[in-house]
Amino acid sequence: DLLDLARLENQMAKGLNLHETSLATYLRPVVAQFQVQDDLRDVVTYIDDHLPDVRLHPDSFKRLIVNLLSNAFKYSSNGSPVIVKTFTQKKADKEYVGIAIQDYGDGMSSEDLEHAFERFYRSSAHEQISGTGLGLAIAQEIMHAHAGEIEIHSTLGEGTTVTLLFPAIRKWGR
């Protein structure tokens, strides 16, 4: 993870080669191929194929989605679904195409939410779950490289939703 973060920072310094594309074109195959060994849970998807285009770097986008899906599976119990949905949103007079990844796991405390994007931060409540504490820091770097935003909403005992907002590059019509 540390090596991935260093590579990402190096790529960002040089400028990522972003491609104008439909978000669904890259999201569907990543979600469809996502598997956690010995886990029978479903990823429930609501992916709209008629959203405005965005600019993506395919490899870092895949890394981002796999990272967030891994977290959703890691921190929620077997039998609970992980939901992935796309949407559009207007925020401060800008149009965004969004992805929300929602789990029904343990959730995060307000203190954990304050530190969620810090490198190497790990909640003491989840010490038994392996990880480096770099996943959300990497996700944030990827979103910054895409001129996007990442938000986390979580409630202890109810779950977590991570929202990604990518700037739309054209208006959508009917």
N, C-alpha and C. Protein backbone atom coordinates (compact mmCIF):
# COMPACT_ATOMS: atom_id res chain seq x y z
N ASP A 1 0.82 -1.21 0.00
CA ASP A 1 0.00 0.00 0.00
C ASP A 1 0.86 1.26 0.00
N LEU A 2 1.94 1.23 0.78
CA LEU A 2 2.83 2.39 0.83
C LEU A 2 3.48 2.61 -0.53
N LEU A 3 3.87 1.53 -1.17
CA LEU A 3 4.46 1.62 -2.50
C LEU A 3 3.43 2.17 -3.50
N ASP A 4 2.18 1.70 -3.42
CA ASP A 4 1.12 2.22 -4.29
C ASP A 4 0.90 3.71 -4.08
N LEU A 5 0.94 4.14 -2.83
CA LEU A 5 0.75 5.55 -2.52
C LEU A 5 1.90 6.38 -3.10
N ALA A 6 3.13 5.90 -2.96
CA ALA A 6 4.28 6.61 -3.51
C ALA A 6 4.19 6.69 -5.04
N ARG A 7 3.77 5.59 -5.68
CA ARG A 7 3.61 5.59 -7.14
C ARG A 7 2.53 6.59 -7.57
N LEU A 8 1.44 6.59 -6.84
CA LEU A 8 0.34 7.50 -7.15
C LEU A 8 0.79 8.95 -7.03
N GLU A 9 1.50 9.28 -5.96
CA GLU A 9 2.00 10.64 -5.79
C GLU A 9 2.95 11.02 -6.92
N ASN A 10 3.78 10.08 -7.36
CA ASN A 10 4.70 10.32 -8.46
C ASN A 10 3.92 10.55 -9.76
N GLN A 11 2.91 9.74 -10.02
CA GLN A 11 2.08 9.92 -11.21
C GLN A 11 1.36 11.26 -11.18
N MET A 12 0.86 11.63 -9.99
CA MET A 12 0.14 12.91 -9.87
C MET A 12 1.07 14.08 -10.15
N ALA A 13 2.31 13.98 -9.71
CA ALA A 13 3.27 15.05 -9.94
C ALA A 13 3.51 15.23 -11.45
N LYS A 14 3.48 14.13 -12.18
CA LYS A 14 3.66 14.18 -13.63
C LYS A 14 2.35 14.51 -14.35
N GLY A 15 1.23 14.28 -13.66
CA GLY A 15 -0.09 14.49 -14.25
C GLY A 15 -0.66 13.18 -14.76
N LEU A 16 -1.79 12.79 -14.23
CA LEU A 16 -2.45 11.57 -14.67
C LEU A 16 -3.03 11.76 -16.06
N ASN A 17 -2.98 10.74 -16.87
CA ASN A 17 -3.56 10.77 -18.20
C ASN A 17 -5.03 10.37 -18.07
N LEU A 18 -5.90 11.35 -17.93
CA LEU A 18 -7.32 11.10 -17.73
C LEU A 18 -8.04 10.95 -19.06
N HIS A 19 -8.97 10.00 -19.12
CA HIS A 19 -9.74 9.72 -20.34
C HIS A 19 -11.18 10.14 -20.14
N GLU A 20 -11.74 10.80 -21.14
CA GLU A 20 -13.15 11.16 -21.11
C GLU A 20 -13.96 9.90 -21.39
N THR A 21 -14.83 9.55 -20.46
CA THR A 21 -15.55 8.29 -20.59
C THR A 21 -16.80 8.27 -19.72
N SER A 22 -17.59 7.26 -19.93
CA SER A 22 -18.73 6.98 -19.06
C SER A 22 -18.21 6.27 -17.82
N LEU A 23 -18.60 6.73 -16.66
CA LEU A 23 -18.19 6.12 -15.41
C LEU A 23 -18.63 4.65 -15.34
N ALA A 24 -19.83 4.37 -15.82
CA ALA A 24 -20.37 3.00 -15.78
C ALA A 24 -19.51 2.03 -16.59
N THR A 25 -18.87 2.51 -17.65
CA THR A 25 -18.02 1.66 -18.49
C THR A 25 -16.90 1.02 -17.68
N TYR A 26 -16.34 1.76 -16.73
CA TYR A 26 -15.25 1.23 -15.90
C TYR A 26 -15.75 0.65 -14.58
N LEU A 27 -16.86 1.15 -14.08
CA LEU A 27 -17.36 0.70 -12.79
C LEU A 27 -17.94 -0.71 -12.86
N ARG A 28 -18.76 -0.98 -13.87
CA ARG A 28 -19.41 -2.29 -13.97
C ARG A 28 -18.43 -3.47 -13.92
N PRO A 29 -17.37 -3.48 -14.74
CA PRO A 29 -16.47 -4.65 -14.71
C PRO A 29 -15.72 -4.80 -13.39
N VAL A 30 -15.37 -3.70 -12.75
CA VAL A 30 -14.65 -3.79 -11.47
C VAL A 30 -15.56 -4.41 -10.42
N VAL A 31 -16.79 -3.94 -10.35
CA VAL A 31 -17.73 -4.47 -9.37
C VAL A 31 -18.06 -5.93 -9.68
N ALA A 32 -18.25 -6.24 -10.96
CA ALA A 32 -18.60 -7.60 -11.36
C ALA A 32 -17.49 -8.60 -11.04
N GLN A 33 -16.25 -8.18 -11.12
CA GLN A 33 -15.12 -9.08 -10.86
C GLN A 33 -14.71 -9.12 -9.40
N PHE A 34 -15.29 -8.26 -8.59
CA PHE A 34 -14.88 -8.19 -7.20
C PHE A 34 -15.35 -9.43 -6.45
N GLN A 35 -14.43 -10.09 -5.80
CA GLN A 35 -14.74 -11.28 -5.01
C GLN A 35 -13.88 -11.26 -3.74
N VAL A 36 -14.47 -11.66 -2.64
CA VAL A 36 -13.72 -11.89 -1.42
C VAL A 36 -13.78 -13.39 -1.18
N GLN A 37 -12.62 -14.00 -1.01
CA GLN A 37 -12.56 -15.45 -0.86
C GLN A 37 -13.45 -15.94 0.27
N ASP A 38 -14.21 -16.99 0.01
CA ASP A 38 -15.10 -17.64 0.98
C ASP A 38 -16.21 -16.72 1.49
N ASP A 39 -16.57 -15.70 0.75
CA ASP A 39 -17.64 -14.79 1.16
C ASP A 39 -18.76 -14.88 0.14
N LEU A 40 -19.94 -15.19 0.59
CA LEU A 40 -21.07 -15.38 -0.31
C LEU A 40 -21.96 -14.14 -0.42
N ARG A 41 -21.52 -13.03 0.16
CA ARG A 41 -22.33 -11.81 0.11
C ARG A 41 -22.48 -11.29 -1.31
N ASP A 42 -23.55 -10.58 -1.50
CA ASP A 42 -23.81 -9.96 -2.79
C ASP A 42 -23.41 -8.49 -2.77
N VAL A 43 -22.94 -8.04 -3.92
CA VAL A 43 -22.80 -6.62 -4.16
C VAL A 43 -24.03 -6.24 -4.97
N VAL A 44 -24.87 -5.41 -4.39
CA VAL A 44 -26.09 -4.96 -5.06
C VAL A 44 -25.76 -3.67 -5.79
N THR A 45 -26.05 -3.64 -7.08
CA THR A 45 -25.68 -2.47 -7.87
C THR A 45 -26.90 -1.75 -8.45
N TYR A 46 -26.77 -0.45 -8.46
CA TYR A 46 -27.72 0.45 -9.13
C TYR A 46 -26.85 1.40 -9.96
N ILE A 47 -26.45 0.94 -11.12
CA ILE A 47 -25.53 1.72 -11.96
C ILE A 47 -26.28 2.24 -13.17
N ASP A 48 -26.34 3.55 -13.29
CA ASP A 48 -27.04 4.22 -14.39
C ASP A 48 -26.08 4.37 -15.57
N ASP A 49 -26.49 3.88 -16.72
CA ASP A 49 -25.66 3.97 -17.92
C ASP A 49 -25.82 5.30 -18.66
N HIS A 50 -26.70 6.15 -18.17
CA HIS A 50 -27.00 7.40 -18.89
C HIS A 50 -26.60 8.63 -18.08
N LEU A 51 -25.41 8.57 -17.51
CA LEU A 51 -24.88 9.70 -16.75
C LEU A 51 -23.95 10.53 -17.62
N PRO A 52 -23.68 11.76 -17.23
CA PRO A 52 -22.70 12.56 -17.98
C PRO A 52 -21.33 11.89 -17.92
N ASP A 53 -20.50 12.17 -18.91
CA ASP A 53 -19.15 11.63 -18.90
C ASP A 53 -18.30 12.31 -17.83
N VAL A 54 -17.23 11.64 -17.46
CA VAL A 54 -16.25 12.14 -16.51
C VAL A 54 -14.86 11.88 -17.08
N ARG A 55 -13.84 12.38 -16.41
CA ARG A 55 -12.45 12.08 -16.80
C ARG A 55 -11.87 11.12 -15.77
N LEU A 56 -11.40 9.96 -16.26
CA LEU A 56 -10.88 8.92 -15.37
C LEU A 56 -9.51 8.44 -15.82
N HIS A 57 -8.71 8.03 -14.86
CA HIS A 57 -7.50 7.27 -15.11
C HIS A 57 -7.88 5.83 -14.77
N PRO A 58 -8.01 4.96 -15.77
CA PRO A 58 -8.58 3.63 -15.54
C PRO A 58 -7.92 2.81 -14.43
N ASP A 59 -6.60 2.78 -14.38
CA ASP A 59 -5.93 1.95 -13.37
C ASP A 59 -6.16 2.47 -11.96
N SER A 60 -6.03 3.78 -11.77
CA SER A 60 -6.24 4.31 -10.43
C SER A 60 -7.71 4.25 -10.03
N PHE A 61 -8.62 4.38 -11.00
CA PHE A 61 -10.04 4.24 -10.71
C PHE A 61 -10.35 2.82 -10.22
N LYS A 62 -9.79 1.83 -10.90
CA LYS A 62 -9.99 0.44 -10.48
C LYS A 62 -9.45 0.24 -9.07
N ARG A 63 -8.26 0.76 -8.81
CA ARG A 63 -7.65 0.64 -7.47
C ARG A 63 -8.56 1.27 -6.42
N LEU A 64 -9.13 2.41 -6.73
CA LEU A 64 -10.02 3.12 -5.83
C LEU A 64 -11.25 2.28 -5.48
N ILE A 65 -11.91 1.75 -6.49
CA ILE A 65 -13.15 0.99 -6.26
C ILE A 65 -12.86 -0.32 -5.53
N VAL A 66 -11.81 -1.03 -5.92
CA VAL A 66 -11.44 -2.28 -5.23
C VAL A 66 -11.12 -2.00 -3.77
N ASN A 67 -10.40 -0.92 -3.52
CA ASN A 67 -10.05 -0.54 -2.16
C ASN A 67 -11.30 -0.31 -1.31
N LEU A 68 -12.24 0.45 -1.84
CA LEU A 68 -13.45 0.77 -1.08
C LEU A 68 -14.37 -0.43 -0.91
N LEU A 69 -14.47 -1.27 -1.94
CA LEU A 69 -15.25 -2.50 -1.79
C LEU A 69 -14.61 -3.44 -0.77
N SER A 70 -13.29 -3.53 -0.79
CA SER A 70 -12.59 -4.36 0.20
C SER A 70 -12.89 -3.90 1.61
N ASN A 71 -12.85 -2.60 1.83
CA ASN A 71 -13.18 -2.05 3.15
C ASN A 71 -14.62 -2.39 3.54
N ALA A 72 -15.54 -2.23 2.61
CA ALA A 72 -16.94 -2.51 2.90
C ALA A 72 -17.13 -3.97 3.33
N PHE A 73 -16.44 -4.87 2.66
CA PHE A 73 -16.54 -6.29 3.02
C PHE A 73 -15.82 -6.58 4.33
N LYS A 74 -14.66 -5.96 4.51
CA LYS A 74 -13.86 -6.22 5.72
C LYS A 74 -14.58 -5.82 7.00
N TYR A 75 -15.30 -4.70 6.93
CA TYR A 75 -15.87 -4.14 8.15
C TYR A 75 -17.37 -4.39 8.30
N SER A 76 -17.91 -5.31 7.52
CA SER A 76 -19.32 -5.68 7.70
C SER A 76 -19.42 -7.20 7.81
N SER A 77 -20.51 -7.64 8.36
CA SER A 77 -20.66 -9.07 8.64
C SER A 77 -21.12 -9.85 7.42
N ASN A 78 -20.80 -11.15 7.43
CA ASN A 78 -21.29 -12.04 6.37
C ASN A 78 -22.80 -11.99 6.35
N GLY A 79 -23.35 -12.04 5.15
CA GLY A 79 -24.80 -12.01 5.01
C GLY A 79 -25.35 -10.63 4.75
N SER A 80 -24.58 -9.59 5.04
CA SER A 80 -25.09 -8.24 4.79
C SER A 80 -24.61 -7.78 3.41
N PRO A 81 -25.48 -7.13 2.65
CA PRO A 81 -25.10 -6.71 1.30
C PRO A 81 -24.20 -5.49 1.32
N VAL A 82 -23.49 -5.32 0.23
CA VAL A 82 -22.75 -4.09 -0.03
C VAL A 82 -23.43 -3.47 -1.25
N ILE A 83 -23.79 -2.22 -1.14
CA ILE A 83 -24.56 -1.55 -2.19
C ILE A 83 -23.68 -0.53 -2.91
N VAL A 84 -23.71 -0.59 -4.24
CA VAL A 84 -22.98 0.36 -5.07
C VAL A 84 -24.00 1.03 -5.97
N LYS A 85 -24.08 2.36 -5.88
CA LYS A 85 -25.03 3.06 -6.76
C LYS A 85 -24.41 4.34 -7.30
N THR A 86 -24.85 4.70 -8.49
CA THR A 86 -24.39 5.93 -9.13
C THR A 86 -25.51 6.95 -9.12
N PHE A 87 -25.14 8.20 -9.26
CA PHE A 87 -26.12 9.29 -9.22
C PHE A 87 -25.48 10.55 -9.77
N THR A 88 -26.27 11.57 -9.94
CA THR A 88 -25.77 12.89 -10.29
C THR A 88 -26.11 13.84 -9.15
N GLN A 89 -25.29 14.86 -9.02
CA GLN A 89 -25.50 15.81 -7.94
C GLN A 89 -24.98 17.18 -8.36
N LYS A 90 -25.73 18.20 -8.00
CA LYS A 90 -25.27 19.56 -8.22
C LYS A 90 -24.80 20.09 -6.88
N LYS A 91 -23.61 20.66 -6.86
CA LYS A 91 -23.02 21.15 -5.61
C LYS A 91 -22.23 22.41 -5.93
N ALA A 92 -22.60 23.49 -5.30
CA ALA A 92 -21.93 24.78 -5.53
C ALA A 92 -21.86 25.11 -7.03
N ASP A 93 -22.98 24.98 -7.71
CA ASP A 93 -23.10 25.28 -9.14
C ASP A 93 -22.23 24.41 -10.04
N LYS A 94 -21.77 23.28 -9.54
CA LYS A 94 -21.02 22.33 -10.35
C LYS A 94 -21.80 21.04 -10.43
N GLU A 95 -21.70 20.38 -11.58
CA GLU A 95 -22.36 19.10 -11.77
C GLU A 95 -21.36 17.98 -11.48
N TYR A 96 -21.80 16.97 -10.75
CA TYR A 96 -20.96 15.82 -10.41
C TYR A 96 -21.66 14.53 -10.76
N VAL A 97 -20.86 13.53 -11.07
CA VAL A 97 -21.33 12.16 -11.19
C VAL A 97 -20.77 11.44 -9.96
N GLY A 98 -21.66 10.78 -9.24
CA GLY A 98 -21.24 10.19 -7.98
C GLY A 98 -21.38 8.69 -7.93
N ILE A 99 -20.61 8.11 -7.02
CA ILE A 99 -20.71 6.69 -6.68
C ILE A 99 -20.82 6.63 -5.17
N ALA A 100 -21.79 5.88 -4.67
CA ALA A 100 -21.92 5.64 -3.23
C ALA A 100 -21.71 4.15 -2.99
N ILE A 101 -20.84 3.83 -2.05
CA ILE A 101 -20.60 2.44 -1.65
C ILE A 101 -21.01 2.34 -0.19
N GLN A 102 -22.02 1.53 0.05
CA GLN A 102 -22.66 1.47 1.37
C GLN A 102 -22.57 0.06 1.94
N ASP A 103 -22.19 -0.01 3.22
CA ASP A 103 -22.21 -1.30 3.91
C ASP A 103 -23.06 -1.17 5.16
N TYR A 104 -23.39 -2.29 5.75
CA TYR A 104 -24.19 -2.33 6.97
C TYR A 104 -23.37 -2.96 8.09
N GLY A 105 -22.13 -2.50 8.20
CA GLY A 105 -21.19 -3.06 9.17
C GLY A 105 -21.20 -2.33 10.49
N ASP A 106 -20.03 -2.35 11.12
CA ASP A 106 -19.86 -1.79 12.46
C ASP A 106 -19.98 -0.27 12.50
N GLY A 107 -19.68 0.38 11.39
CA GLY A 107 -19.69 1.84 11.38
C GLY A 107 -18.45 2.40 12.03
N MET A 108 -18.35 3.71 12.04
CA MET A 108 -17.19 4.40 12.60
C MET A 108 -17.65 5.42 13.62
N SER A 109 -16.84 5.60 14.66
CA SER A 109 -17.13 6.62 15.66
C SER A 109 -16.80 7.99 15.08
N SER A 110 -17.27 9.05 15.72
CA SER A 110 -16.97 10.40 15.24
C SER A 110 -15.47 10.67 15.30
N GLU A 111 -14.77 10.11 16.29
CA GLU A 111 -13.31 10.28 16.37
C GLU A 111 -12.63 9.59 15.20
N ASP A 112 -13.06 8.37 14.89
CA ASP A 112 -12.49 7.66 13.75
C ASP A 112 -12.74 8.41 12.45
N LEU A 113 -13.93 8.99 12.29
CA LEU A 113 -14.23 9.76 11.09
C LEU A 113 -13.30 10.96 10.93
N GLU A 114 -12.93 11.59 12.04
CA GLU A 114 -12.03 12.75 11.99
C GLU A 114 -10.65 12.37 11.43
N HIS A 115 -10.23 11.14 11.66
CA HIS A 115 -8.89 10.69 11.28
C HIS A 115 -8.89 9.73 10.10
N ALA A 116 -10.04 9.49 9.50
CA ALA A 116 -10.19 8.44 8.49
C ALA A 116 -9.21 8.54 7.33
N PHE A 117 -8.85 9.75 6.91
CA PHE A 117 -7.99 9.91 5.74
C PHE A 117 -6.51 10.08 6.11
N GLU A 118 -6.19 9.98 7.39
CA GLU A 118 -4.79 10.09 7.82
C GLU A 118 -4.06 8.80 7.52
N ARG A 119 -2.84 8.95 7.02
CA ARG A 119 -2.01 7.78 6.74
C ARG A 119 -1.72 7.01 8.02
N PHE A 120 -1.85 5.71 7.94
CA PHE A 120 -1.56 4.75 9.01
C PHE A 120 -2.54 4.80 10.17
N TYR A 121 -3.60 5.59 10.07
CA TYR A 121 -4.58 5.62 11.16
C TYR A 121 -5.42 4.35 11.11
N ARG A 122 -5.53 3.70 12.24
CA ARG A 122 -6.37 2.51 12.37
C ARG A 122 -7.17 2.65 13.66
N SER A 123 -8.43 2.38 13.59
CA SER A 123 -9.29 2.44 14.76
C SER A 123 -8.92 1.33 15.74
N SER A 124 -8.89 1.64 17.00
CA SER A 124 -8.60 0.62 18.01
C SER A 124 -9.72 -0.41 18.08
N ALA A 125 -10.91 -0.04 17.62
CA ALA A 125 -12.05 -0.96 17.64
C ALA A 125 -11.89 -2.09 16.62
N HIS A 126 -10.97 -1.91 15.66
CA HIS A 126 -10.80 -2.91 14.60
C HIS A 126 -9.39 -3.46 14.55
N GLU A 127 -8.73 -3.55 15.67
CA GLU A 127 -7.35 -4.06 15.69
C GLU A 127 -7.25 -5.49 15.19
N GLN A 128 -8.30 -6.28 15.37
CA GLN A 128 -8.27 -7.69 14.96
C GLN A 128 -8.37 -7.86 13.45
N ILE A 129 -8.72 -6.81 12.71
CA ILE A 129 -8.85 -6.88 11.26
C ILE A 129 -7.55 -6.35 10.65
N SER A 130 -6.96 -7.14 9.76
CA SER A 130 -5.68 -6.74 9.18
C SER A 130 -5.83 -5.54 8.25
N GLY A 131 -4.80 -4.74 8.18
CA GLY A 131 -4.78 -3.58 7.32
C GLY A 131 -3.60 -2.68 7.65
N THR A 132 -3.33 -1.73 6.76
CA THR A 132 -2.19 -0.84 6.94
C THR A 132 -2.58 0.56 7.39
N GLY A 133 -3.85 0.91 7.27
CA GLY A 133 -4.26 2.27 7.57
C GLY A 133 -3.95 3.23 6.43
N LEU A 134 -3.73 2.70 5.24
CA LEU A 134 -3.43 3.55 4.08
C LEU A 134 -4.55 3.59 3.05
N GLY A 135 -5.51 2.70 3.13
CA GLY A 135 -6.54 2.58 2.10
C GLY A 135 -7.30 3.86 1.83
N LEU A 136 -7.79 4.52 2.86
CA LEU A 136 -8.57 5.74 2.64
C LEU A 136 -7.68 6.92 2.25
N ALA A 137 -6.42 6.92 2.71
CA ALA A 137 -5.48 7.96 2.28
C ALA A 137 -5.22 7.82 0.78
N ILE A 138 -5.08 6.59 0.31
CA ILE A 138 -4.89 6.34 -1.12
C ILE A 138 -6.15 6.77 -1.88
N ALA A 139 -7.32 6.42 -1.37
CA ALA A 139 -8.58 6.80 -2.02
C ALA A 139 -8.68 8.32 -2.15
N GLN A 140 -8.31 9.02 -1.10
CA GLN A 140 -8.38 10.49 -1.14
C GLN A 140 -7.41 11.05 -2.18
N GLU A 141 -6.21 10.50 -2.26
CA GLU A 141 -5.23 10.96 -3.26
C GLU A 141 -5.76 10.73 -4.67
N ILE A 142 -6.37 9.58 -4.90
CA ILE A 142 -6.91 9.27 -6.22
C ILE A 142 -8.02 10.27 -6.57
N MET A 143 -8.88 10.56 -5.62
CA MET A 143 -9.96 11.51 -5.90
C MET A 143 -9.40 12.91 -6.17
N HIS A 144 -8.39 13.32 -5.44
CA HIS A 144 -7.77 14.63 -5.70
C HIS A 144 -7.17 14.67 -7.10
N ALA A 145 -6.57 13.55 -7.53
CA ALA A 145 -5.99 13.49 -8.87
C ALA A 145 -7.06 13.61 -9.96
N HIS A 146 -8.28 13.25 -9.62
CA HIS A 146 -9.40 13.36 -10.55
C HIS A 146 -10.20 14.66 -10.35
N ALA A 147 -9.67 15.57 -9.54
CA ALA A 147 -10.35 16.83 -9.21
C ALA A 147 -11.71 16.57 -8.59
N GLY A 148 -11.83 15.44 -7.89
CA GLY A 148 -13.09 15.05 -7.28
C GLY A 148 -13.07 15.17 -5.77
N GLU A 149 -14.13 14.66 -5.18
CA GLU A 149 -14.28 14.72 -3.72
C GLU A 149 -14.64 13.34 -3.19
N ILE A 150 -14.25 13.08 -1.95
CA ILE A 150 -14.61 11.85 -1.26
C ILE A 150 -15.17 12.23 0.10
N GLU A 151 -16.28 11.61 0.45
CA GLU A 151 -16.93 11.88 1.74
C GLU A 151 -17.27 10.56 2.41
N ILE A 152 -17.25 10.55 3.73
CA ILE A 152 -17.64 9.36 4.48
C ILE A 152 -18.72 9.76 5.48
N HIS A 153 -19.80 8.98 5.48
CA HIS A 153 -20.85 9.13 6.48
C HIS A 153 -20.99 7.78 7.16
N SER A 154 -20.98 7.80 8.48
CA SER A 154 -21.01 6.53 9.20
C SER A 154 -21.72 6.69 10.53
N THR A 155 -22.38 5.61 10.95
CA THR A 155 -23.03 5.56 12.24
C THR A 155 -22.64 4.25 12.91
N LEU A 156 -22.17 4.35 14.13
CA LEU A 156 -21.77 3.14 14.86
C LEU A 156 -22.91 2.14 14.89
N GLY A 157 -22.59 0.90 14.58
CA GLY A 157 -23.57 -0.17 14.61
C GLY A 157 -24.51 -0.24 13.43
N GLU A 158 -24.43 0.73 12.52
CA GLU A 158 -25.35 0.76 11.38
C GLU A 158 -24.65 0.66 10.03
N GLY A 159 -23.42 1.13 9.94
CA GLY A 159 -22.69 1.02 8.69
C GLY A 159 -22.09 2.31 8.22
N THR A 160 -21.50 2.22 7.04
CA THR A 160 -20.74 3.34 6.47
C THR A 160 -21.09 3.49 4.99
N THR A 161 -21.15 4.74 4.55
CA THR A 161 -21.30 5.05 3.13
C THR A 161 -20.16 5.96 2.72
N VAL A 162 -19.43 5.53 1.70
CA VAL A 162 -18.37 6.35 1.12
C VAL A 162 -18.91 6.88 -0.20
N THR A 163 -18.84 8.19 -0.38
CA THR A 163 -19.36 8.84 -1.58
C THR A 163 -18.21 9.46 -2.35
N LEU A 164 -18.16 9.17 -3.64
CA LEU A 164 -17.16 9.72 -4.54
C LEU A 164 -17.87 10.65 -5.52
N LEU A 165 -17.34 11.85 -5.71
CA LEU A 165 -17.93 12.81 -6.64
C LEU A 165 -16.89 13.19 -7.70
N PHE A 166 -17.20 12.87 -8.95
CA PHE A 166 -16.34 13.20 -10.08
C PHE A 166 -16.98 14.34 -10.87
N PRO A 167 -16.22 15.39 -11.21
CA PRO A 167 -16.80 16.48 -11.99
C PRO A 167 -17.34 15.98 -13.33
N ALA A 168 -18.56 16.36 -13.64
CA ALA A 168 -19.15 16.02 -14.94
C ALA A 168 -18.52 16.93 -15.99
N ILE A 169 -18.30 16.39 -17.18
CA ILE A 169 -17.66 17.21 -18.20
C ILE A 169 -18.62 17.62 -19.31
N ARG A 170 -19.85 17.20 -19.23
CA ARG A 170 -20.86 17.68 -20.18
C ARG A 170 -22.22 17.62 -19.51
N LYS A 171 -23.10 18.41 -20.00
CA LYS A 171 -24.47 18.37 -19.49
C LYS A 171 -25.17 17.15 -20.01
N TRP A 172 -26.10 16.64 -19.25
CA TRP A 172 -26.87 15.49 -19.73
C TRP A 172 -28.26 15.96 -20.12
N GLY A 173 -28.80 15.22 -21.02
CA GLY A 173 -30.14 15.55 -21.52
C GLY A 173 -31.08 14.39 -21.25
N ARG A 174 -32.06 14.28 -22.08
CA ARG A 174 -33.04 13.20 -21.91
C ARG A 174 -32.46 11.91 -22.40
